[in-house]
Amino acid sequence: MNQATQPPGSQAAPAAAPATQPAFQVEKLYVKDLSLEVPNAPHVFMQEESPQLEIQVRNEASQFADGLFEVVVTVTVTARAGEKTIFLAEAAQAGIFTARGIPQADLEPLLAIACPNILYPYVREAISDLVTRAGFPAVLLQPVSFEQLYLERRQQAADAPRIEVAQ
C-alpha cells in the first residue's frame, strides 16, 4: 500500500514552493602555504639575546564558484635580535565556505569576521608547531578580533580620498 491514508473528505495540502533559505557551511579547511626561514642558523642558536617578535595577521576572501568562497588567514611572525633575523615563519590557513541566499550586506562581514574566526585557531597551531620544529620556543599567538580589523578597514576605506574626474 503506497498511498497515505487520509481522513474522508480531506485533501492533501499542495506542496509549497521551496523558499531560498540562507545557507552557510564549511566545506574544507586546509593549509594553503607554510614556510620557515632561519637565515642565520646555526649561529642564532648560540645567541643569548631575546628576540623581538613582529606579528602580522591578514585575511582575504574571494568567490571562486557560485556560492563558494575561499577565505585565507595569513600570519607572518618575524623574530629579530638587533639587526639579525632569527626566523621568519608564515602560515596561510584557508577554507572553502558555502554561502547561499545570504544578503550582500551580511555576506561581507560573514567572510571577513566569521570565517577568519573559524580559521584562526588552525593557523595559530600551524605557526606554533612550525616554530617549535625549527628548534625555538613555541610562539603562542594572542586572540585576534577580526571584527575590529573589519571595522578598521571599513573606516580606512571611508576616510580614503576619492578622486573624481570632471566631465
Foldseek 3Di string as FASTA:
>chain_A
DPDDDDPPPDDDDDDDDDDDDKDKDWDDKDWPDKDKDQPDPPVLVVDDAFWDKDKDWDKDKDDDDVQKMKIKIKIWIWTDDVPDTRMIIMTIMMTIMGTPPDDPVVVVCCRQAVVVVVRVVVRQVSQQVVQVVVPHHGDRDDDDHSVVVVVVVVVCVVPDDDDDDDD
